[in-house]
């Protein structure tokens, strides 16, 4: 899976950068979703006010910046 979606916190995590710092570990499994679909993720961000996880984004920027 490419993305982890935390429906409690309305956050999108990138699988290869997600970790304990993201805080999704405390989210119940029933409120988590896993997907490979970037269009679905984009829709959640644009229409449902979901946000990219700041930790996943900062790690990605640091590694590939």
PDB file of N, CA and C in Angstrom:
ATOM      1  N   UNK A   1       0.830  -1.181   0.000  1.00  0.00           N
ATOM      2  CA  UNK A   1       0.000   0.000   0.000  1.00  0.00           C
ATOM      3  C   UNK A   1       0.879   1.250   0.000  1.00  0.00           C
ATOM      4  N   UNK A   2       0.464   2.223  -0.735  1.00  0.00           N
ATOM      5  CA  UNK A   2       1.252   3.448  -0.844  1.00  0.00           C
ATOM      6  C   UNK A   2       0.855   4.491   0.207  1.00  0.00           C
ATOM      7  N   UNK A   3      -0.421   4.521   0.588  1.00  0.00           N
ATOM      8  CA  UNK A   3      -0.919   5.528   1.527  1.00  0.00           C
ATOM      9  C   UNK A   3      -1.642   4.876   2.698  1.00  0.00           C
ATOM     10  N   UNK A   4      -1.461   5.451   3.883  1.00  0.00           N
ATOM     11  CA  UNK A   4      -2.255   5.120   5.064  1.00  0.00           C
ATOM     12  C   UNK A   4      -3.149   6.322   5.315  1.00  0.00           C
ATOM     13  N   UNK A   5      -4.427   6.085   5.484  1.00  0.00           N
ATOM     14  CA  UNK A   5      -5.365   7.168   5.750  1.00  0.00           C
ATOM     15  C   UNK A   5      -5.884   7.009   7.169  1.00  0.00           C
ATOM     16  N   UNK A   6      -5.739   8.058   7.949  1.00  0.00           N
ATOM     17  CA  UNK A   6      -6.230   8.094   9.325  1.00  0.00           C
ATOM     18  C   UNK A   6      -7.509   8.926   9.302  1.00  0.00           C
ATOM     19  N   UNK A   7      -8.653   8.244   9.394  1.00  0.00           N
ATOM     20  CA  UNK A   7      -9.934   8.938   9.311  1.00  0.00           C
ATOM     21  C   UNK A   7     -10.266   9.701  10.593  1.00  0.00           C
ATOM     22  N   UNK A   8      -9.675   9.328  11.726  1.00  0.00           N
ATOM     23  CA  UNK A   8      -9.902  10.078  12.973  1.00  0.00           C
ATOM     24  C   UNK A   8      -9.253  11.456  12.910  1.00  0.00           C
ATOM     25  N   UNK A   9      -8.020  11.494  12.434  1.00  0.00           N
ATOM     26  CA  UNK A   9      -7.265  12.749  12.395  1.00  0.00           C
ATOM     27  C   UNK A   9      -7.313  13.419  11.026  1.00  0.00           C
ATOM     28  N   UNK A  10      -7.999  12.768  10.078  1.00  0.00           N
ATOM     29  CA  UNK A  10      -8.097  13.271   8.705  1.00  0.00           C
ATOM     30  C   UNK A  10      -6.710  13.566   8.131  1.00  0.00           C
ATOM     31  N   UNK A  11      -5.823  12.578   8.254  1.00  0.00           N
ATOM     32  CA  UNK A  11      -4.472  12.763   7.750  1.00  0.00           C
ATOM     33  C   UNK A  11      -4.090  11.621   6.811  1.00  0.00           C
ATOM     34  N   UNK A  12      -3.226  11.963   5.860  1.00  0.00           N
ATOM     35  CA  UNK A  12      -2.740  11.035   4.853  1.00  0.00           C
ATOM     36  C   UNK A  12      -1.250  10.801   5.109  1.00  0.00           C
ATOM     37  N   UNK A  13      -0.872   9.544   5.269  1.00  0.00           N
ATOM     38  CA  UNK A  13       0.516   9.180   5.513  1.00  0.00           C
ATOM     39  C   UNK A  13       1.063   8.437   4.302  1.00  0.00           C
ATOM     40  N   UNK A  14       2.311   8.678   4.004  1.00  0.00           N
ATOM     41  CA  UNK A  14       2.961   7.926   2.938  1.00  0.00           C
ATOM     42  C   UNK A  14       3.623   6.703   3.557  1.00  0.00           C
ATOM     43  N   UNK A  15       3.311   5.554   3.033  1.00  0.00           N
ATOM     44  CA  UNK A  15       3.731   4.283   3.612  1.00  0.00           C
ATOM     45  C   UNK A  15       5.229   4.215   3.885  1.00  0.00           C
ATOM     46  N   UNK A  16       6.044   4.659   2.959  1.00  0.00           N
ATOM     47  CA  UNK A  16       7.484   4.494   3.161  1.00  0.00           C
ATOM     48  C   UNK A  16       8.084   5.471   4.163  1.00  0.00           C
ATOM     49  N   UNK A  17       7.317   6.493   4.582  1.00  0.00           N
ATOM     50  CA  UNK A  17       7.815   7.466   5.546  1.00  0.00           C
ATOM     51  C   UNK A  17       7.060   7.428   6.881  1.00  0.00           C
ATOM     52  N   UNK A  18       5.961   6.707   6.937  1.00  0.00           N
ATOM     53  CA  UNK A  18       5.135   6.678   8.140  1.00  0.00           C
ATOM     54  C   UNK A  18       5.850   5.966   9.279  1.00  0.00           C
ATOM     55  N   UNK A  19       5.651   6.483  10.480  1.00  0.00           N
ATOM     56  CA  UNK A  19       6.269   5.875  11.659  1.00  0.00           C
ATOM     57  C   UNK A  19       5.568   6.319  12.922  1.00  0.00           C
ATOM     58  N   UNK A  20       6.166   6.014  14.051  1.00  0.00           N
ATOM     59  CA  UNK A  20       5.569   6.344  15.351  1.00  0.00           C
ATOM     60  C   UNK A  20       5.329   7.842  15.519  1.00  0.00           C
ATOM     61  N   UNK A  21       6.170   8.673  14.932  1.00  0.00           N
ATOM     62  CA  UNK A  21       6.013  10.124  15.074  1.00  0.00           C
ATOM     63  C   UNK A  21       4.735  10.648  14.425  1.00  0.00           C
ATOM     64  N   UNK A  22       4.191   9.895  13.502  1.00  0.00           N
ATOM     65  CA  UNK A  22       2.970  10.325  12.812  1.00  0.00           C
ATOM     66  C   UNK A  22       1.747  10.257  13.725  1.00  0.00           C
ATOM     67  N   UNK A  23       1.769   9.375  14.693  1.00  0.00           N
ATOM     68  CA  UNK A  23       0.660   9.258  15.625  1.00  0.00           C
ATOM     69  C   UNK A  23      -0.490   8.395  15.149  1.00  0.00           C
ATOM     70  N   UNK A  24      -0.365   7.755  13.991  1.00  0.00           N
ATOM     71  CA  UNK A  24      -1.475   6.943  13.507  1.00  0.00           C
ATOM     72  C   UNK A  24      -1.576   5.614  14.250  1.00  0.00           C
ATOM     73  N   UNK A  25      -0.543   5.240  14.977  1.00  0.00           N
ATOM     74  CA  UNK A  25      -0.539   3.971  15.698  1.00  0.00           C
ATOM     75  C   UNK A  25      -1.659   3.941  16.738  1.00  0.00           C
ATOM     76  N   UNK A  26      -2.004   5.089  17.310  1.00  0.00           N
ATOM     77  CA  UNK A  26      -3.064   5.156  18.311  1.00  0.00           C
ATOM     78  C   UNK A  26      -4.464   5.176  17.737  1.00  0.00           C
ATOM     79  N   UNK A  27      -4.580   5.280  16.431  1.00  0.00           N
ATOM     80  CA  UNK A  27      -5.885   5.298  15.776  1.00  0.00           C
ATOM     81  C   UNK A  27      -6.408   3.865  15.652  1.00  0.00           C
ATOM     82  N   UNK A  28      -7.649   3.628  16.049  1.00  0.00           N
ATOM     83  CA  UNK A  28      -8.198   2.271  15.944  1.00  0.00           C
ATOM     84  C   UNK A  28      -8.147   1.759  14.501  1.00  0.00           C
ATOM     85  N   UNK A  29      -7.941   0.480  14.353  1.00  0.00           N
ATOM     86  CA  UNK A  29      -7.848  -0.128  13.025  1.00  0.00           C
ATOM     87  C   UNK A  29      -9.095   0.158  12.195  1.00  0.00           C
ATOM     88  N   UNK A  30     -10.230   0.249  12.848  1.00  0.00           N
ATOM     89  CA  UNK A  30     -11.479   0.512  12.128  1.00  0.00           C
ATOM     90  C   UNK A  30     -11.526   1.917  11.532  1.00  0.00           C
ATOM     91  N   UNK A  31     -10.631   2.795  11.965  1.00  0.00           N
ATOM     92  CA  UNK A  31     -10.571   4.165  11.450  1.00  0.00           C
ATOM     93  C   UNK A  31      -9.370   4.379  10.536  1.00  0.00           C
ATOM     94  N   UNK A  32      -8.719   3.293  10.139  1.00  0.00           N
ATOM     95  CA  UNK A  32      -7.576   3.368   9.221  1.00  0.00           C
ATOM     96  C   UNK A  32      -7.978   2.772   7.883  1.00  0.00           C
ATOM     97  N   UNK A  33      -7.360   3.300   6.851  1.00  0.00           N
ATOM     98  CA  UNK A  33      -7.596   2.764   5.514  1.00  0.00           C
ATOM     99  C   UNK A  33      -6.264   2.768   4.770  1.00  0.00           C
ATOM    100  N   UNK A  34      -6.076   1.814   3.900  1.00  0.00           N
ATOM    101  CA  UNK A  34      -4.851   1.694   3.128  1.00  0.00           C
ATOM    102  C   UNK A  34      -5.219   1.698   1.651  1.00  0.00           C
ATOM    103  N   UNK A  35      -4.489   2.451   0.849  1.00  0.00           N
ATOM    104  CA  UNK A  35      -4.817   2.553  -0.571  1.00  0.00           C
ATOM    105  C   UNK A  35      -3.568   2.815  -1.409  1.00  0.00           C
ATOM    106  N   UNK A  36      -3.671   2.502  -2.673  1.00  0.00           N
ATOM    107  CA  UNK A  36      -2.641   2.815  -3.660  1.00  0.00           C
ATOM    108  C   UNK A  36      -3.122   3.878  -4.634  1.00  0.00           C
ATOM    109  N   UNK A  37      -4.296   4.429  -4.411  1.00  0.00           N
ATOM    110  CA  UNK A  37      -4.955   5.310  -5.370  1.00  0.00           C
ATOM    111  C   UNK A  37      -4.695   6.795  -5.080  1.00  0.00           C
ATOM    112  N   UNK A  38      -3.784   7.437  -5.827  1.00  0.00           N
ATOM    113  CA  UNK A  38      -3.504   8.857  -5.588  1.00  0.00           C
ATOM    114  C   UNK A  38      -4.708   9.752  -5.871  1.00  0.00           C
ATOM    115  N   UNK A  39      -5.583   9.355  -6.792  1.00  0.00           N
ATOM    116  CA  UNK A  39      -6.772  10.165  -7.078  1.00  0.00           C
ATOM    117  C   UNK A  39      -7.731  10.187  -5.891  1.00  0.00           C
ATOM    118  N   UNK A  40      -7.874   9.072  -5.200  1.00  0.00           N
ATOM    119  CA  UNK A  40      -8.713   9.004  -4.006  1.00  0.00           C
ATOM    120  C   UNK A  40      -8.135   9.894  -2.904  1.00  0.00           C
ATOM    121  N   UNK A  41      -6.817   9.840  -2.731  1.00  0.00           N
ATOM    122  CA  UNK A  41      -6.144  10.673  -1.733  1.00  0.00           C
ATOM    123  C   UNK A  41      -6.346  12.154  -2.071  1.00  0.00           C
ATOM    124  N   UNK A  42      -6.179  12.502  -3.320  1.00  0.00           N
ATOM    125  CA  UNK A  42      -6.372  13.883  -3.765  1.00  0.00           C
ATOM    126  C   UNK A  42      -7.806  14.345  -3.505  1.00  0.00           C
ATOM    127  N   UNK A  43      -8.754  13.461  -3.741  1.00  0.00           N
ATOM    128  CA  UNK A  43     -10.163  13.783  -3.492  1.00  0.00           C
ATOM    129  C   UNK A  43     -10.412  14.047  -2.006  1.00  0.00           C
ATOM    130  N   UNK A  44      -9.843  13.221  -1.139  1.00  0.00           N
ATOM    131  CA  UNK A  44     -10.000  13.433   0.304  1.00  0.00           C
ATOM    132  C   UNK A  44      -9.431  14.793   0.721  1.00  0.00           C
ATOM    133  N   UNK A  45      -8.293  15.151   0.174  1.00  0.00           N
ATOM    134  CA  UNK A  45      -7.656  16.426   0.511  1.00  0.00           C
ATOM    135  C   UNK A  45      -8.492  17.593   0.007  1.00  0.00           C
ATOM    136  N   UNK A  46      -8.970  17.510  -1.216  1.00  0.00           N
ATOM    137  CA  UNK A  46      -9.698  18.630  -1.825  1.00  0.00           C
ATOM    138  C   UNK A  46     -11.134  18.763  -1.325  1.00  0.00           C
ATOM    139  N   UNK A  47     -11.802  17.642  -1.113  1.00  0.00           N
ATOM    140  CA  UNK A  47     -13.237  17.686  -0.799  1.00  0.00           C
ATOM    141  C   UNK A  47     -13.582  17.451   0.665  1.00  0.00           C
ATOM    142  N   UNK A  48     -12.709  16.795   1.403  1.00  0.00           N
ATOM    143  CA  UNK A  48     -13.034  16.419   2.781  1.00  0.00           C
ATOM    144  C   UNK A  48     -12.093  17.035   3.806  1.00  0.00           C
ATOM    145  N   UNK A  49     -11.215  17.934   3.366  1.00  0.00           N
ATOM    146  CA  UNK A  49     -10.280  18.642   4.255  1.00  0.00           C
ATOM    147  C   UNK A  49      -9.278  17.741   4.963  1.00  0.00           C
ATOM    148  N   UNK A  50      -8.884  16.659   4.328  1.00  0.00           N
ATOM    149  CA  UNK A  50      -7.806  15.834   4.862  1.00  0.00           C
ATOM    150  C   UNK A  50      -6.491  16.554   4.581  1.00  0.00           C
ATOM    151  N   UNK A  51      -5.471  16.245   5.357  1.00  0.00           N
ATOM    152  CA  UNK A  51      -4.162  16.887   5.220  1.00  0.00           C
ATOM    153  C   UNK A  51      -3.074  15.820   5.069  1.00  0.00           C
ATOM    154  N   UNK A  52      -2.019  16.183   4.340  1.00  0.00           N
ATOM    155  CA  UNK A  52      -0.843  15.327   4.309  1.00  0.00           C
ATOM    156  C   UNK A  52      -0.185  15.377   5.678  1.00  0.00           C
ATOM    157  N   UNK A  53       0.275  14.252   6.167  1.00  0.00           N
ATOM    158  CA  UNK A  53       0.971  14.192   7.448  1.00  0.00           C
ATOM    159  C   UNK A  53       2.230  15.047   7.383  1.00  0.00           C
ATOM    160  N   UNK A  54       2.382  15.966   8.301  1.00  0.00           N
ATOM    161  CA  UNK A  54       3.536  16.869   8.290  1.00  0.00           C
ATOM    162  C   UNK A  54       4.845  16.100   8.494  1.00  0.00           C
ATOM    163  N   UNK A  55       4.822  15.032   9.275  1.00  0.00           N
ATOM    164  CA  UNK A  55       6.034  14.238   9.480  1.00  0.00           C
ATOM    165  C   UNK A  55       6.450  13.547   8.182  1.00  0.00           C
ATOM    166  N   UNK A  56       5.504  12.913   7.509  1.00  0.00           N
ATOM    167  CA  UNK A  56       5.823  12.223   6.251  1.00  0.00           C
ATOM    168  C   UNK A  56       6.351  13.205   5.212  1.00  0.00           C
ATOM    169  N   UNK A  57       5.764  14.392   5.161  1.00  0.00           N
ATOM    170  CA  UNK A  57       6.206  15.403   4.201  1.00  0.00           C
ATOM    171  C   UNK A  57       7.597  15.895   4.547  1.00  0.00           C
ATOM    172  N   UNK A  58       7.871  16.148   5.833  1.00  0.00           N
ATOM    173  CA  UNK A  58       9.179  16.674   6.217  1.00  0.00           C
ATOM    174  C   UNK A  58      10.282  15.633   5.993  1.00  0.00           C
ATOM    175  N   UNK A  59      10.014  14.377   6.243  1.00  0.00           N
ATOM    176  CA  UNK A  59      11.014  13.328   5.990  1.00  0.00           C
ATOM    177  C   UNK A  59      11.292  13.232   4.502  1.00  0.00           C
ATOM    178  N   UNK A  60      10.249  13.287   3.696  1.00  0.00           N
ATOM    179  CA  UNK A  60      10.416  13.212   2.247  1.00  0.00           C
ATOM    180  C   UNK A  60      11.222  14.398   1.746  1.00  0.00           C
ATOM    181  N   UNK A  61      10.941  15.587   2.231  1.00  0.00           N
ATOM    182  CA  UNK A  61      11.656  16.789   1.825  1.00  0.00           C
ATOM    183  C   UNK A  61      13.132  16.699   2.216  1.00  0.00           C
ATOM    184  N   UNK A  62      13.398  16.201   3.418  1.00  0.00           N
ATOM    185  CA  UNK A  62      14.765  16.065   3.909  1.00  0.00           C
ATOM    186  C   UNK A  62      15.564  15.074   3.058  1.00  0.00           C
ATOM    187  N   UNK A  63      14.941  13.959   2.707  1.00  0.00           N
ATOM    188  CA  UNK A  63      15.636  12.924   1.957  1.00  0.00           C
ATOM    189  C   UNK A  63      15.811  13.260   0.485  1.00  0.00           C
ATOM    190  N   UNK A  64      14.794  13.894  -0.097  1.00  0.00           N
ATOM    191  CA  UNK A  64      14.814  14.123  -1.537  1.00  0.00           C
ATOM    192  C   UNK A  64      14.849  15.584  -1.933  1.00  0.00           C
ATOM    193  N   UNK A  65      14.866  16.491  -0.924  1.00  0.00           N
ATOM    194  CA  UNK A  65      14.786  17.920  -1.115  1.00  0.00           C
ATOM    195  C   UNK A  65      15.709  18.452  -2.107  1.00  0.00           C
TER     196      UNK A  65
END
